[in-house]
Amino acid sequence: ARAVLGLVRASAGSIVVDGEDVRTYGSRQWRALRRRGVLQYVFQDPLR
C-alpha cells in the first residue's frame, strides 16, 4: 500500500497508475497526481 501511494521507494519493478509509472516520481509529481484525485486512499483509522 505504501509503495503504491509513494510513501516508500521500491528498489525494483514498476507501479503504473492510470497509465503512468509512478515508481520514480518525485515529490512534485506526486503532489500533482494527488491534486488530480486519480488515486485516493482510506486508512484503518479515519482520524488519520
All heavy atoms as atom14 arrays in JSON, in Angstrom:
{
  "sequence": "ARAVLGLVRASAGSIVVDGEDVRTYGSRQWRALRRRGVLQYVFQDPLR",
  "atom14_mask": [
    [1, 1, 1, 1, 1, 0, 0, 0, 0, 0, 0, 0, 0, 0],
    [1, 1, 1, 1, 1, 1, 1, 1, 1, 1, 1, 0, 0, 0],
    [1, 1, 1, 1, 1, 0, 0, 0, 0, 0, 0, 0, 0, 0],
    [1, 1, 1, 1, 1, 1, 1, 0, 0, 0, 0, 0, 0, 0],
    [1, 1, 1, 1, 1, 1, 1, 1, 0, 0, 0, 0, 0, 0],
    [1, 1, 1, 1, 0, 0, 0, 0, 0, 0, 0, 0, 0, 0],
    [1, 1, 1, 1, 1, 1, 1, 1, 0, 0, 0, 0, 0, 0],
    [1, 1, 1, 1, 1, 1, 1, 0, 0, 0, 0, 0, 0, 0],
    [1, 1, 1, 1, 1, 1, 1, 1, 1, 1, 1, 0, 0, 0],
    [1, 1, 1, 1, 1, 0, 0, 0, 0, 0, 0, 0, 0, 0],
    [1, 1, 1, 1, 1, 1, 0, 0, 0, 0, 0, 0, 0, 0],
    [1, 1, 1, 1, 1, 0, 0, 0, 0, 0, 0, 0, 0, 0],
    [1, 1, 1, 1, 0, 0, 0, 0, 0, 0, 0, 0, 0, 0],
    [1, 1, 1, 1, 1, 1, 0, 0, 0, 0, 0, 0, 0, 0],
    [1, 1, 1, 1, 1, 1, 1, 1, 0, 0, 0, 0, 0, 0],
    [1, 1, 1, 1, 1, 1, 1, 0, 0, 0, 0, 0, 0, 0],
    [1, 1, 1, 1, 1, 1, 1, 0, 0, 0, 0, 0, 0, 0],
    [1, 1, 1, 1, 1, 1, 1, 1, 0, 0, 0, 0, 0, 0],
    [1, 1, 1, 1, 0, 0, 0, 0, 0, 0, 0, 0, 0, 0],
    [1, 1, 1, 1, 1, 1, 1, 1, 1, 0, 0, 0, 0, 0],
    [1, 1, 1, 1, 1, 1, 1, 1, 0, 0, 0, 0, 0, 0],
    [1, 1, 1, 1, 1, 1, 1, 0, 0, 0, 0, 0, 0, 0],
    [1, 1, 1, 1, 1, 1, 1, 1, 1, 1, 1, 0, 0, 0],
    [1, 1, 1, 1, 1, 1, 1, 0, 0, 0, 0, 0, 0, 0],
    [1, 1, 1, 1, 1, 1, 1, 1, 1, 1, 1, 1, 0, 0],
    [1, 1, 1, 1, 0, 0, 0, 0, 0, 0, 0, 0, 0, 0],
    [1, 1, 1, 1, 1, 1, 0, 0, 0, 0, 0, 0, 0, 0],
    [1, 1, 1, 1, 1, 1, 1, 1, 1, 1, 1, 0, 0, 0],
    [1, 1, 1, 1, 1, 1, 1, 1, 1, 0, 0, 0, 0, 0],
    [1, 1, 1, 1, 1, 1, 1, 1, 1, 1, 1, 1, 1, 1],
    [1, 1, 1, 1, 1, 1, 1, 1, 1, 1, 1, 0, 0, 0],
    [1, 1, 1, 1, 1, 0, 0, 0, 0, 0, 0, 0, 0, 0],
    [1, 1, 1, 1, 1, 1, 1, 1, 0, 0, 0, 0, 0, 0],
    [1, 1, 1, 1, 1, 1, 1, 1, 1, 1, 1, 0, 0, 0],
    [1, 1, 1, 1, 1, 1, 1, 1, 1, 1, 1, 0, 0, 0],
    [1, 1, 1, 1, 1, 1, 1, 1, 1, 1, 1, 0, 0, 0],
    [1, 1, 1, 1, 0, 0, 0, 0, 0, 0, 0, 0, 0, 0],
    [1, 1, 1, 1, 1, 1, 1, 0, 0, 0, 0, 0, 0, 0],
    [1, 1, 1, 1, 1, 1, 1, 1, 0, 0, 0, 0, 0, 0],
    [1, 1, 1, 1, 1, 1, 1, 1, 1, 0, 0, 0, 0, 0],
    [1, 1, 1, 1, 1, 1, 1, 1, 1, 1, 1, 1, 0, 0],
    [1, 1, 1, 1, 1, 1, 1, 0, 0, 0, 0, 0, 0, 0],
    [1, 1, 1, 1, 1, 1, 1, 1, 1, 1, 1, 0, 0, 0],
    [1, 1, 1, 1, 1, 1, 1, 1, 1, 0, 0, 0, 0, 0],
    [1, 1, 1, 1, 1, 1, 1, 1, 0, 0, 0, 0, 0, 0],
    [1, 1, 1, 1, 1, 1, 1, 0, 0, 0, 0, 0, 0, 0],
    [1, 1, 1, 1, 1, 1, 1, 1, 0, 0, 0, 0, 0, 0],
    [1, 1, 1, 1, 1, 1, 1, 1, 1, 1, 1, 0, 0, 0]
  ],
  "atom14_positions": [
    [[0.83, -1.2, 0.0], [0.0, 0.0, 0.0], [0.87, 1.25, 0.0], [0.62, 2.19, -0.76], [-0.93, -0.01, 1.22], [0.0, 0.0, 0.0], [0.0, 0.0, 0.0], [0.0, 0.0, 0.0], [0.0, 0.0, 0.0], [0.0, 0.0, 0.0], [0.0, 0.0, 0.0], [0.0, 0.0, 0.0], [0.0, 0.0, 0.0], [0.0, 0.0, 0.0]],
    [[1.88, 1.28, 0.84], [2.73, 2.45, 0.94], [3.53, 2.68, -0.34], [3.77, 3.82, -0.74], [3.68, 2.3, 2.14], [2.95, 2.35, 3.48], [3.88, 2.02, 4.64], [4.96, 2.99, 4.78], [4.84, 4.16, 5.38], [3.68, 4.51, 5.91], [5.87, 4.97, 5.47], [0.0, 0.0, 0.0], [0.0, 0.0, 0.0], [0.0, 0.0, 0.0]],
    [[3.91, 1.6, -1.02], [4.64, 1.74, -2.28], [3.74, 2.33, -3.36], [4.15, 3.21, -4.13], [5.2, 0.39, -2.72], [0.0, 0.0, 0.0], [0.0, 0.0, 0.0], [0.0, 0.0, 0.0], [0.0, 0.0, 0.0], [0.0, 0.0, 0.0], [0.0, 0.0, 0.0], [0.0, 0.0, 0.0], [0.0, 0.0, 0.0], [0.0, 0.0, 0.0]],
    [[2.5, 1.84, -3.44], [1.56, 2.36, -4.43], [1.26, 3.83, -4.18], [1.08, 4.62, -5.11], [0.26, 1.53, -4.43], [-0.8, 2.17, -5.32], [0.53, 0.1, -4.89], [0.0, 0.0, 0.0], [0.0, 0.0, 0.0], [0.0, 0.0, 0.0], [0.0, 0.0, 0.0], [0.0, 0.0, 0.0], [0.0, 0.0, 0.0], [0.0, 0.0, 0.0]],
    [[1.24, 4.23, -2.91], [0.96, 5.62, -2.54], [2.2, 6.51, -2.61], [2.12, 7.7, -2.35], [0.38, 5.68, -1.13], [-1.01, 5.07, -0.95], [-1.36, 4.98, 0.53], [-2.06, 5.87, -1.7], [0.0, 0.0, 0.0], [0.0, 0.0, 0.0], [0.0, 0.0, 0.0], [0.0, 0.0, 0.0], [0.0, 0.0, 0.0], [0.0, 0.0, 0.0]],
    [[3.36, 5.92, -2.91], [4.58, 6.71, -2.98], [5.18, 7.05, -1.64], [6.03, 7.95, -1.55], [0.0, 0.0, 0.0], [0.0, 0.0, 0.0], [0.0, 0.0, 0.0], [0.0, 0.0, 0.0], [0.0, 0.0, 0.0], [0.0, 0.0, 0.0], [0.0, 0.0, 0.0], [0.0, 0.0, 0.0], [0.0, 0.0, 0.0], [0.0, 0.0, 0.0]],
    [[4.8, 6.33, -0.6], [5.3, 6.61, 0.75], [6.58, 5.83, 1.07], [7.27, 6.17, 2.03], [4.22, 6.29, 1.79], [2.91, 7.07, 1.62], [1.9, 6.65, 2.67], [3.16, 8.58, 1.7], [0.0, 0.0, 0.0], [0.0, 0.0, 0.0], [0.0, 0.0, 0.0], [0.0, 0.0, 0.0], [0.0, 0.0, 0.0], [0.0, 0.0, 0.0]],
    [[6.86, 4.78, 0.31], [8.14, 4.09, 0.39], [8.64, 3.89, -1.04], [7.84, 3.78, -1.97], [8.05, 2.72, 1.11], [7.61, 2.89, 2.54], [7.12, 1.78, 0.37], [0.0, 0.0, 0.0], [0.0, 0.0, 0.0], [0.0, 0.0, 0.0], [0.0, 0.0, 0.0], [0.0, 0.0, 0.0], [0.0, 0.0, 0.0], [0.0, 0.0, 0.0]],
    [[9.94, 3.87, -1.2], [10.52, 3.73, -2.54], [10.84, 2.27, -2.84], [11.47, 1.59, -2.04], [11.79, 4.58, -2.67], [12.4, 4.58, -4.07], [13.48, 5.62, -4.18], [12.95, 6.96, -4.14], [12.46, 7.6, -5.21], [12.42, 7.0, -6.38], [12.0, 8.82, -5.09], [0.0, 0.0, 0.0], [0.0, 0.0, 0.0], [0.0, 0.0, 0.0]],
    [[10.38, 1.82, -3.99], [10.66, 0.45, -4.41], [12.08, 0.36, -4.96], [12.59, 1.32, -5.54], [9.65, 0.01, -5.47], [0.0, 0.0, 0.0], [0.0, 0.0, 0.0], [0.0, 0.0, 0.0], [0.0, 0.0, 0.0], [0.0, 0.0, 0.0], [0.0, 0.0, 0.0], [0.0, 0.0, 0.0], [0.0, 0.0, 0.0], [0.0, 0.0, 0.0]],
    [[12.71, -0.79, -4.78], [14.06, -0.99, -5.29], [14.07, -1.58, -6.7], [15.08, -1.52, -7.4], [14.85, -1.91, -4.35], [14.15, -3.12, -4.12], [0.0, 0.0, 0.0], [0.0, 0.0, 0.0], [0.0, 0.0, 0.0], [0.0, 0.0, 0.0], [0.0, 0.0, 0.0], [0.0, 0.0, 0.0], [0.0, 0.0, 0.0], [0.0, 0.0, 0.0]],
    [[12.94, -2.14, -7.12], [12.84, -2.7, -8.47], [11.38, -2.85, -8.84], [10.5, -2.87, -7.98], [13.55, -4.06, -8.56], [0.0, 0.0, 0.0], [0.0, 0.0, 0.0], [0.0, 0.0, 0.0], [0.0, 0.0, 0.0], [0.0, 0.0, 0.0], [0.0, 0.0, 0.0], [0.0, 0.0, 0.0], [0.0, 0.0, 0.0], [0.0, 0.0, 0.0]],
    [[11.13, -2.96, -10.15], [9.77, -3.17, -10.64], [9.11, -1.88, -11.07], [9.74, -0.81, -11.11], [0.0, 0.0, 0.0], [0.0, 0.0, 0.0], [0.0, 0.0, 0.0], [0.0, 0.0, 0.0], [0.0, 0.0, 0.0], [0.0, 0.0, 0.0], [0.0, 0.0, 0.0], [0.0, 0.0, 0.0], [0.0, 0.0, 0.0], [0.0, 0.0, 0.0]],
    [[7.83, -1.96, -11.43], [7.09, -0.79, -11.87], [5.73, -0.74, -11.18], [5.17, -1.78, -10.8], [6.89, -0.81, -13.39], [6.08, -1.91, -13.78], [0.0, 0.0, 0.0], [0.0, 0.0, 0.0], [0.0, 0.0, 0.0], [0.0, 0.0, 0.0], [0.0, 0.0, 0.0], [0.0, 0.0, 0.0], [0.0, 0.0, 0.0], [0.0, 0.0, 0.0]],
    [[5.22, 0.49, -11.0], [3.9, 0.72, -10.44], [3.21, 1.7, -11.38], [3.5, 2.91, -11.37], [3.96, 1.32, -9.02], [4.79, 0.43, -8.09], [2.55, 1.51, -8.46], [5.07, 1.07, -6.73], [0.0, 0.0, 0.0], [0.0, 0.0, 0.0], [0.0, 0.0, 0.0], [0.0, 0.0, 0.0], [0.0, 0.0, 0.0], [0.0, 0.0, 0.0]],
    [[2.32, 1.2, -12.21], [1.64, 2.03, -13.2], [0.23, 2.34, -12.7], [-0.58, 1.42, -12.5], [1.59, 1.34, -14.57], [0.82, 2.2, -15.58], [3.0, 1.05, -15.07], [0.0, 0.0, 0.0], [0.0, 0.0, 0.0], [0.0, 0.0, 0.0], [0.0, 0.0, 0.0], [0.0, 0.0, 0.0], [0.0, 0.0, 0.0], [0.0, 0.0, 0.0]],
    [[-0.05, 3.62, -12.49], [-1.36, 4.08, -12.04], [-1.97, 4.91, -13.15], [-1.42, 5.95, -13.54], [-1.25, 4.92, -10.74], [-2.63, 5.45, -10.35], [-0.66, 4.09, -9.61], [0.0, 0.0, 0.0], [0.0, 0.0, 0.0], [0.0, 0.0, 0.0], [0.0, 0.0, 0.0], [0.0, 0.0, 0.0], [0.0, 0.0, 0.0], [0.0, 0.0, 0.0]],
    [[-3.1, 4.44, -13.68], [-3.8, 5.16, -14.74], [-2.87, 5.5, -15.9], [-2.89, 6.6, -16.44], [-4.44, 6.43, -14.18], [-5.55, 6.96, -15.07], [-6.17, 6.17, -15.79], [-5.79, 8.19, -15.05], [0.0, 0.0, 0.0], [0.0, 0.0, 0.0], [0.0, 0.0, 0.0], [0.0, 0.0, 0.0], [0.0, 0.0, 0.0], [0.0, 0.0, 0.0]],
    [[-2.01, 4.55, -16.25], [-1.12, 4.7, -17.39], [0.21, 5.38, -17.11], [1.04, 5.51, -18.02], [0.0, 0.0, 0.0], [0.0, 0.0, 0.0], [0.0, 0.0, 0.0], [0.0, 0.0, 0.0], [0.0, 0.0, 0.0], [0.0, 0.0, 0.0], [0.0, 0.0, 0.0], [0.0, 0.0, 0.0], [0.0, 0.0, 0.0], [0.0, 0.0, 0.0]],
    [[0.47, 5.79, -15.87], [1.71, 6.47, -15.53], [2.52, 5.64, -14.54], [1.99, 5.2, -13.52], [1.42, 7.85, -14.91], [0.64, 8.78, -15.82], [0.39, 10.13, -15.15], [1.2, 10.54, -14.29], [-0.62, 10.77, -15.48], [0.0, 0.0, 0.0], [0.0, 0.0, 0.0], [0.0, 0.0, 0.0], [0.0, 0.0, 0.0], [0.0, 0.0, 0.0]],
    [[3.81, 5.42, -14.85], [4.68, 4.7, -13.94], [5.12, 5.65, -12.83], [5.92, 6.56, -13.05], [5.9, 4.14, -14.68], [6.71, 3.17, -13.81], [6.49, 3.15, -12.58], [7.54, 2.44, -14.36], [0.0, 0.0, 0.0], [0.0, 0.0, 0.0], [0.0, 0.0, 0.0], [0.0, 0.0, 0.0], [0.0, 0.0, 0.0], [0.0, 0.0, 0.0]],
    [[4.57, 5.45, -11.64], [4.8, 6.38, -10.54], [5.98, 5.98, -9.66], [6.3, 6.69, -8.7], [3.53, 6.52, -9.67], [2.35, 7.0, -10.51], [3.18, 5.19, -8.99], [0.0, 0.0, 0.0], [0.0, 0.0, 0.0], [0.0, 0.0, 0.0], [0.0, 0.0, 0.0], [0.0, 0.0, 0.0], [0.0, 0.0, 0.0], [0.0, 0.0, 0.0]],
    [[6.62, 4.85, -9.96], [7.67, 4.36, -9.05], [8.81, 5.36, -8.89], [9.41, 5.48, -7.83], [8.22, 3.02, -9.52], [9.17, 2.39, -8.5], [9.64, 1.02, -8.95], [10.64, 1.06, -9.99], [11.94, 1.25, -9.77], [12.37, 1.45, -8.54], [12.8, 1.26, -10.76], [0.0, 0.0, 0.0], [0.0, 0.0, 0.0], [0.0, 0.0, 0.0]],
    [[9.12, 6.09, -9.95], [10.25, 7.02, -9.89], [9.79, 8.47, -9.73], [10.59, 9.38, -9.88], [11.1, 6.9, -11.17], [10.28, 7.17, -12.31], [11.68, 5.5, -11.3], [0.0, 0.0, 0.0], [0.0, 0.0, 0.0], [0.0, 0.0, 0.0], [0.0, 0.0, 0.0], [0.0, 0.0, 0.0], [0.0, 0.0, 0.0], [0.0, 0.0, 0.0]],
    [[8.53, 8.67, -9.39], [8.02, 10.03, -9.22], [8.76, 10.75, -8.08], [9.07, 10.16, -7.04], [6.54, 10.0, -8.88], [5.62, 10.11, -10.07], [6.06, 9.86, -11.36], [4.29, 10.47, -9.9], [5.2, 9.95, -12.44], [3.42, 10.57, -10.97], [3.88, 10.31, -12.24], [3.03, 10.4, -13.3], [0.0, 0.0, 0.0], [0.0, 0.0, 0.0]],
    [[8.98, 12.04, -8.27], [9.48, 12.9, -7.21], [8.3, 13.53, -6.47], [7.14, 13.33, -6.84], [0.0, 0.0, 0.0], [0.0, 0.0, 0.0], [0.0, 0.0, 0.0], [0.0, 0.0, 0.0], [0.0, 0.0, 0.0], [0.0, 0.0, 0.0], [0.0, 0.0, 0.0], [0.0, 0.0, 0.0], [0.0, 0.0, 0.0], [0.0, 0.0, 0.0]],
    [[8.59, 14.32, -5.45], [7.53, 14.9, -4.62], [6.61, 15.81, -5.43], [5.39, 15.83, -5.21], [8.15, 15.68, -3.45], [9.03, 16.68, -3.92], [0.0, 0.0, 0.0], [0.0, 0.0, 0.0], [0.0, 0.0, 0.0], [0.0, 0.0, 0.0], [0.0, 0.0, 0.0], [0.0, 0.0, 0.0], [0.0, 0.0, 0.0], [0.0, 0.0, 0.0]],
    [[7.16, 16.56, -6.37], [6.33, 17.46, -7.17], [5.34, 16.68, -8.03], [4.17, 17.05, -8.14], [7.21, 18.35, -8.06], [6.43, 19.34, -8.9], [7.35, 20.2, -9.73], [8.26, 20.97, -8.89], [9.2, 21.79, -9.36], [9.36, 21.93, -10.68], [9.98, 22.46, -8.54], [0.0, 0.0, 0.0], [0.0, 0.0, 0.0], [0.0, 0.0, 0.0]],
    [[5.81, 15.58, -8.63], [4.92, 14.76, -9.46], [3.84, 14.09, -8.62], [2.69, 13.98, -9.05], [5.74, 13.71, -10.21], [6.66, 14.28, -11.28], [7.67, 13.26, -11.75], [8.46, 12.73, -10.96], [7.65, 12.96, -13.05], [0.0, 0.0, 0.0], [0.0, 0.0, 0.0], [0.0, 0.0, 0.0], [0.0, 0.0, 0.0], [0.0, 0.0, 0.0]],
    [[4.21, 13.66, -7.41], [3.21, 13.05, -6.54], [2.16, 14.08, -6.12], [0.97, 13.77, -6.05], [3.87, 12.44, -5.31], [4.26, 11.02, -5.5], [5.52, 10.5, -5.59], [3.36, 9.91, -5.64], [5.47, 9.14, -5.78], [4.16, 8.75, -5.81], [1.98, 9.78, -5.64], [3.6, 7.49, -5.98], [1.43, 8.52, -5.81], [2.23, 7.4, -5.98]],
    [[2.58, 15.3, -5.83], [1.62, 16.33, -5.45], [0.63, 16.59, -6.59], [-0.58, 16.76, -6.36], [2.34, 17.62, -5.07], [2.97, 17.6, -3.68], [3.32, 19.01, -3.21], [4.29, 19.64, -4.08], [5.6, 19.56, -3.93], [6.1, 18.85, -2.92], [6.43, 20.18, -4.75], [0.0, 0.0, 0.0], [0.0, 0.0, 0.0], [0.0, 0.0, 0.0]],
    [[1.15, 16.61, -7.82], [0.28, 16.85, -8.97], [-0.72, 15.71, -9.15], [-1.9, 15.94, -9.43], [1.12, 17.02, -10.24], [0.0, 0.0, 0.0], [0.0, 0.0, 0.0], [0.0, 0.0, 0.0], [0.0, 0.0, 0.0], [0.0, 0.0, 0.0], [0.0, 0.0, 0.0], [0.0, 0.0, 0.0], [0.0, 0.0, 0.0], [0.0, 0.0, 0.0]],
    [[-0.24, 14.46, -8.97], [-1.13, 13.31, -9.1], [-2.21, 13.34, -8.03], [-3.4, 13.08, -8.32], [-0.32, 12.01, -9.01], [-1.11, 10.72, -9.17], [-1.62, 10.58, -10.59], [-0.25, 9.5, -8.8], [0.0, 0.0, 0.0], [0.0, 0.0, 0.0], [0.0, 0.0, 0.0], [0.0, 0.0, 0.0], [0.0, 0.0, 0.0], [0.0, 0.0, 0.0]],
    [[-1.84, 13.65, -6.8], [-2.82, 13.68, -5.71], [-3.81, 14.83, -5.9], [-4.98, 14.71, -5.57], [-2.09, 13.8, -4.38], [-1.36, 12.51, -4.0], [-0.4, 12.7, -2.86], [0.29, 11.45, -2.52], [1.52, 11.37, -2.04], [2.22, 12.47, -1.83], [2.06, 10.2, -1.78], [0.0, 0.0, 0.0], [0.0, 0.0, 0.0], [0.0, 0.0, 0.0]],
    [[-3.32, 15.95, -6.44], [-4.21, 17.08, -6.68], [-5.29, 16.73, -7.7], [-6.43, 17.17, -7.6], [-3.4, 18.29, -7.15], [-4.2, 19.58, -7.19], [-3.34, 20.76, -7.59], [-2.26, 20.97, -6.64], [-0.97, 20.83, -6.92], [-0.58, 20.48, -8.13], [-0.07, 21.05, -6.0], [0.0, 0.0, 0.0], [0.0, 0.0, 0.0], [0.0, 0.0, 0.0]],
    [[-4.91, 15.9, -8.68], [-5.87, 15.47, -9.7], [-6.91, 14.49, -9.13], [-7.96, 14.3, -9.72], [-5.14, 14.81, -10.87], [-4.42, 15.79, -11.77], [-3.4, 15.08, -12.64], [-3.95, 13.87, -13.26], [-3.21, 12.84, -13.67], [-1.88, 12.87, -13.5], [-3.77, 11.81, -14.23], [0.0, 0.0, 0.0], [0.0, 0.0, 0.0], [0.0, 0.0, 0.0]],
    [[-6.61, 13.88, -8.0], [-7.57, 12.98, -7.37], [-7.7, 11.64, -8.04], [-8.68, 10.92, -7.82], [0.0, 0.0, 0.0], [0.0, 0.0, 0.0], [0.0, 0.0, 0.0], [0.0, 0.0, 0.0], [0.0, 0.0, 0.0], [0.0, 0.0, 0.0], [0.0, 0.0, 0.0], [0.0, 0.0, 0.0], [0.0, 0.0, 0.0], [0.0, 0.0, 0.0]],
    [[-6.72, 11.26, -8.87], [-6.77, 9.97, -9.58], [-6.69, 8.81, -8.6], [-7.4, 7.8, -8.74], [-5.62, 9.87, -10.61], [-5.53, 8.47, -11.19], [-5.8, 10.9, -11.71], [0.0, 0.0, 0.0], [0.0, 0.0, 0.0], [0.0, 0.0, 0.0], [0.0, 0.0, 0.0], [0.0, 0.0, 0.0], [0.0, 0.0, 0.0], [0.0, 0.0, 0.0]],
    [[-5.85, 8.95, -7.6], [-5.6, 7.9, -6.6], [-5.98, 8.43, -5.22], [-5.48, 9.47, -4.79], [-4.12, 7.5, -6.63], [-3.6, 6.6, -5.51], [-4.3, 5.26, -5.52], [-2.09, 6.41, -5.65], [0.0, 0.0, 0.0], [0.0, 0.0, 0.0], [0.0, 0.0, 0.0], [0.0, 0.0, 0.0], [0.0, 0.0, 0.0], [0.0, 0.0, 0.0]],
    [[-6.87, 7.72, -4.55], [-7.27, 8.1, -3.2], [-7.09, 6.9, -2.27], [-6.91, 5.76, -2.73], [-8.73, 8.57, -3.17], [-8.99, 9.83, -3.98], [-8.41, 11.08, -3.34], [-7.76, 11.03, -2.29], [-8.61, 12.22, -3.98], [0.0, 0.0, 0.0], [0.0, 0.0, 0.0], [0.0, 0.0, 0.0], [0.0, 0.0, 0.0], [0.0, 0.0, 0.0]],
    [[-7.15, 7.14, -0.97], [-6.91, 6.07, -0.01], [-7.75, 6.24, 1.24], [-8.17, 7.34, 1.59], [-5.42, 6.0, 0.35], [-4.82, 7.32, 0.74], [-4.81, 7.75, 2.06], [-4.25, 8.15, -0.22], [-4.26, 8.97, 2.42], [-3.71, 9.38, 0.12], [-3.71, 9.78, 1.44], [-3.17, 10.99, 1.78], [0.0, 0.0, 0.0], [0.0, 0.0, 0.0]],
    [[-8.0, 5.11, 1.9], [-8.74, 5.08, 3.16], [-7.93, 4.26, 4.15], [-7.6, 3.1, 3.88], [-10.14, 4.44, 2.98], [-10.86, 4.37, 4.33], [-10.96, 5.23, 1.97], [0.0, 0.0, 0.0], [0.0, 0.0, 0.0], [0.0, 0.0, 0.0], [0.0, 0.0, 0.0], [0.0, 0.0, 0.0], [0.0, 0.0, 0.0], [0.0, 0.0, 0.0]],
    [[-7.59, 4.87, 5.29], [-6.8, 4.19, 6.3], [-7.7, 3.4, 7.26], [-8.92, 3.59, 7.32], [-5.98, 5.18, 7.11], [-4.87, 5.84, 6.34], [-4.92, 7.2, 6.03], [-3.77, 5.12, 5.92], [-3.9, 7.81, 5.33], [-2.74, 5.72, 5.2], [-2.81, 7.07, 4.92], [0.0, 0.0, 0.0], [0.0, 0.0, 0.0], [0.0, 0.0, 0.0]],
    [[-7.06, 2.53, 8.04], [-7.77, 1.8, 9.08], [-8.39, 2.76, 10.08], [-9.53, 2.59, 10.5], [-6.82, 0.84, 9.79], [-7.44, 0.1, 10.96], [-6.45, -0.85, 11.63], [-5.39, -1.13, 11.11], [-6.8, -1.34, 12.79], [0.0, 0.0, 0.0], [0.0, 0.0, 0.0], [0.0, 0.0, 0.0], [0.0, 0.0, 0.0], [0.0, 0.0, 0.0]],
    [[-7.64, 3.78, 10.48], [-8.11, 4.77, 11.44], [-8.48, 6.05, 10.68], [-7.6, 6.75, 10.18], [-7.01, 5.07, 12.46], [-7.44, 6.11, 13.49], [-8.6, 6.54, 13.44], [-6.6, 6.48, 14.34], [0.0, 0.0, 0.0], [0.0, 0.0, 0.0], [0.0, 0.0, 0.0], [0.0, 0.0, 0.0], [0.0, 0.0, 0.0], [0.0, 0.0, 0.0]],
    [[-9.77, 6.38, 10.56], [-10.18, 7.56, 9.8], [-9.65, 8.87, 10.35], [-9.58, 9.86, 9.64], [-11.71, 7.51, 9.85], [-12.02, 6.7, 11.06], [-10.92, 5.68, 11.16], [0.0, 0.0, 0.0], [0.0, 0.0, 0.0], [0.0, 0.0, 0.0], [0.0, 0.0, 0.0], [0.0, 0.0, 0.0], [0.0, 0.0, 0.0], [0.0, 0.0, 0.0]],
    [[-9.27, 8.88, 11.64], [-8.73, 10.11, 12.21], [-7.4, 10.49, 11.59], [-6.95, 11.63, 11.71], [-8.6, 9.97, 13.73], [-9.92, 9.9, 14.5], [-9.66, 9.74, 15.99], [-10.78, 11.14, 14.24], [0.0, 0.0, 0.0], [0.0, 0.0, 0.0], [0.0, 0.0, 0.0], [0.0, 0.0, 0.0], [0.0, 0.0, 0.0], [0.0, 0.0, 0.0]],
    [[-6.75, 9.53, 10.9], [-5.5, 9.85, 10.2], [-5.77, 10.68, 8.95], [-4.88, 11.38, 8.47], [-4.78, 8.56, 9.81], [-4.24, 7.76, 10.97], [-3.52, 6.51, 10.49], [-2.37, 6.82, 9.63], [-1.66, 5.91, 8.99], [-1.99, 4.63, 9.09], [-0.63, 6.26, 8.24], [0.0, 0.0, 0.0], [0.0, 0.0, 0.0], [0.0, 0.0, 0.0]]
  ]
}
